[in-house]
Protein backbone atom coordinates (compact mmCIF):
# COMPACT_ATOMS: atom_id res chain seq x y z
CA MET A 1 139.26 107.03 66.02
CA VAL A 2 141.09 103.84 65.65
CA ARG A 3 141.71 102.61 62.25
CA ILE A 4 141.57 98.46 61.66
CA LEU A 5 145.34 96.80 60.79
CA ASP A 6 144.54 93.25 61.03
CA LYS A 7 141.87 90.39 62.52
CA ALA A 8 142.20 86.76 62.78
CA ALA A 9 140.23 84.22 64.82
CA VAL A 10 140.47 80.43 64.92
CA GLN A 11 138.44 77.82 66.27
CA THR A 12 139.92 74.68 66.52
CA LEU A 13 136.95 72.77 68.10
CA SER A 14 133.45 74.12 67.99
CA ARG A 15 131.80 72.64 70.22
CA PHE A 16 131.87 70.94 73.55
CA ASN A 17 132.89 67.19 72.58
CA PRO A 18 134.71 64.66 75.29
CA ALA A 19 134.96 62.27 72.44
CA LYS A 20 137.99 64.62 71.25
CA SER A 21 139.25 65.87 74.80
CA PHE A 22 142.82 66.23 75.45
CA THR A 23 144.86 66.42 78.68
CA ILE A 24 146.81 69.47 79.47
CA ARG A 25 149.95 68.67 80.62
CA ARG A 26 151.72 68.56 83.93
CA SER A 27 154.27 71.68 84.57
CA PRO A 28 156.81 72.02 83.34
CA GLN A 29 155.29 70.76 79.94
CA LYS A 30 152.70 72.66 77.52
CA SER A 31 150.00 71.85 75.70
CA GLY A 32 149.38 74.29 72.67
CA ILE A 33 145.73 75.86 72.70
CA ALA A 34 145.41 78.20 69.62
CA SER A 35 147.40 80.13 67.40
CA ILE A 36 146.99 83.14 65.04
CA PRO A 37 148.92 85.60 63.01
CA ILE A 38 148.39 89.51 62.94
CA ARG A 39 150.18 91.48 60.31
CA ILE A 40 150.86 95.20 61.30
CA PRO A 41 151.77 97.24 58.97
CA VAL A 42 154.53 99.88 58.67
CA ASN A 43 153.80 103.34 60.14
CA SER A 44 151.05 101.83 62.08
CA GLN A 45 152.72 103.68 66.11
CA PRO A 46 151.10 103.44 68.32
CA ASN A 47 148.80 100.43 68.10
CA ARG A 48 147.40 97.48 70.03
CA VAL A 49 146.04 94.15 69.43
CA ASP A 50 142.97 93.08 71.67
CA LEU A 51 143.33 89.04 72.15
CA VAL A 52 140.53 87.05 73.23
CA LEU A 53 140.67 83.37 73.85
CA SER A 54 137.32 81.26 75.70
CA VAL A 55 138.21 77.29 75.78
CA GLY A 56 136.06 74.79 77.42
CA VAL A 57 138.26 72.48 79.74
CA ARG A 58 136.88 69.92 82.04
CA GLY A 59 138.27 68.64 85.23
CA ILE A 60 139.00 64.96 85.52
CA THR A 61 140.63 64.49 89.04
CA GLY A 62 141.63 66.78 91.95
CA ILE A 63 141.88 70.32 91.35
CA GLY A 64 143.71 71.15 88.74
CA GLN A 65 145.86 74.86 88.59
CA ILE A 66 145.87 75.81 84.95
CA ARG A 67 147.71 78.38 83.54
CA PHE A 68 147.17 79.93 80.54
CA ARG A 69 150.23 82.08 78.67
CA VAL A 70 150.02 83.92 75.52
CA PHE A 71 153.15 84.45 73.64
CA ARG A 72 154.03 86.66 70.58
CA GLY A 73 156.78 85.09 69.01
CA ASN A 74 158.71 83.76 71.50
CA THR A 75 158.06 86.71 74.21
CA GLU A 76 155.25 85.92 76.86
CA ILE A 77 152.79 89.36 76.95
CA PHE A 78 150.27 87.34 79.34
CA ASN A 79 149.10 85.19 82.12
CA THR A 80 146.31 84.19 83.91
CA GLN A 81 145.41 81.12 85.95
CA GLN A 82 142.46 79.11 87.26
CA GLY A 83 141.66 76.70 89.09
CA ILE A 84 139.60 74.03 87.89
CA GLU A 85 137.09 71.16 89.94
CA SER A 86 136.57 67.63 89.34
CA LYS A 87 133.72 66.74 92.04
CA GLY A 88 130.29 68.31 92.86
CA SER A 89 128.53 70.31 91.27
CA GLU A 90 131.67 71.67 88.76
CA GLN A 91 133.41 69.89 86.48
CA ASN A 92 132.79 71.72 83.00
CA TYR A 93 134.12 75.30 82.63
CA ILE A 94 134.28 78.05 80.17
CA VAL A 95 137.20 79.99 80.80
CA THR A 96 137.17 83.40 79.06
CA PHE A 97 140.15 85.77 79.06
CA GLN A 98 140.93 89.06 77.22
CA ALA A 99 144.69 90.13 76.52
CA GLU A 100 146.25 93.70 75.43
CA ASP A 101 150.05 94.08 73.37
CA ARG A 102 150.46 97.70 72.97
CA ASN A 103 152.70 99.00 70.11
CA VAL A 104 153.67 95.97 67.90
CA ALA A 105 156.39 96.23 65.75
CA ALA A 106 155.54 96.52 62.08
CA GLY A 107 155.99 92.51 60.30
CA THR A 108 153.60 89.43 60.87
CA HIS A 109 153.52 88.24 64.55
CA ALA A 110 151.94 84.71 65.81
CA TYR A 111 150.10 84.81 68.26
CA THR A 112 150.37 81.26 70.75
CA VAL A 113 148.38 80.20 73.85
CA ILE A 114 149.59 77.10 75.93
CA ALA A 115 148.19 75.94 79.01
CA GLU A 116 150.17 73.66 81.65
CA ASN A 117 148.59 72.15 84.79
CA ARG A 118 150.90 73.54 87.64
CA ALA A 119 148.75 70.83 90.63
CA ALA A 120 150.32 67.34 90.99
CA ASN A 121 148.25 64.43 90.69
CA THR A 122 145.52 66.46 89.12
CA ARG A 123 143.70 65.77 85.58
CA VAL A 124 142.35 68.79 83.35
CA ASP A 125 141.45 67.83 80.16
CA ILE A 126 140.35 70.15 77.19
CA VAL A 127 136.54 69.24 75.62
CA GLY A 128 135.80 72.22 73.44
CA PRO A 129 135.12 74.94 72.23
CA ILE A 130 138.12 76.72 71.31
CA SER A 131 138.11 80.25 69.95
CA PHE A 132 141.08 82.62 69.87
CA SER A 133 140.93 85.98 68.20
CA GLY A 134 142.83 88.97 68.13
CA LEU A 135 142.04 92.49 66.29
CA ALA A 136 144.72 95.04 65.73
CA VAL A 137 144.26 98.81 65.92
CA LYS A 138 146.14 101.88 65.15
CA THR A 139 145.27 104.58 67.75
CA ARG A 140 145.64 108.31 68.24
CA ASN A 141 148.93 109.36 69.96
C-alpha cells in the first residue's frame, strides 16, 4: 500500500493555439516549459515522485531534435529526446513522457521541465497544450 504525500499540476496552455506559440531555443540556450512544487514531509522514506508532461509542438523548419530535461532544483533527474518534422504529413505533435524520482529528501522541491533544440538550422515551436503534473507517494520498504 502507498500513501499520497503531495500532488501538484499546472496547465500553462490549455489548448492547441499557434497564436500563443513560442520557439524552443537552440542549444545551449534553453526554454522553460513548466514548473511545479512538490512537498515531501519528514519521515516519508522510502518515497517516489511520479511526473508526467504532455506538450504540443509544431515543426516549422527542418527536423528538430528536442531534448526535454526534468530537474529537481538544480539536479537533472531525467531527459529524453524527440525528433519533430516540419514537412510532409506530420507537423503537429503531442510529446508525452513520465519520469520517476525516488527517495526524495524531506522539504519542498521545485520540479522544472526545460527544452532545447539540438539541431542546427531547424525550428520547433510550442503550440500547446502544456500539462505538467507530479504525485508524491510513500512506498513500502
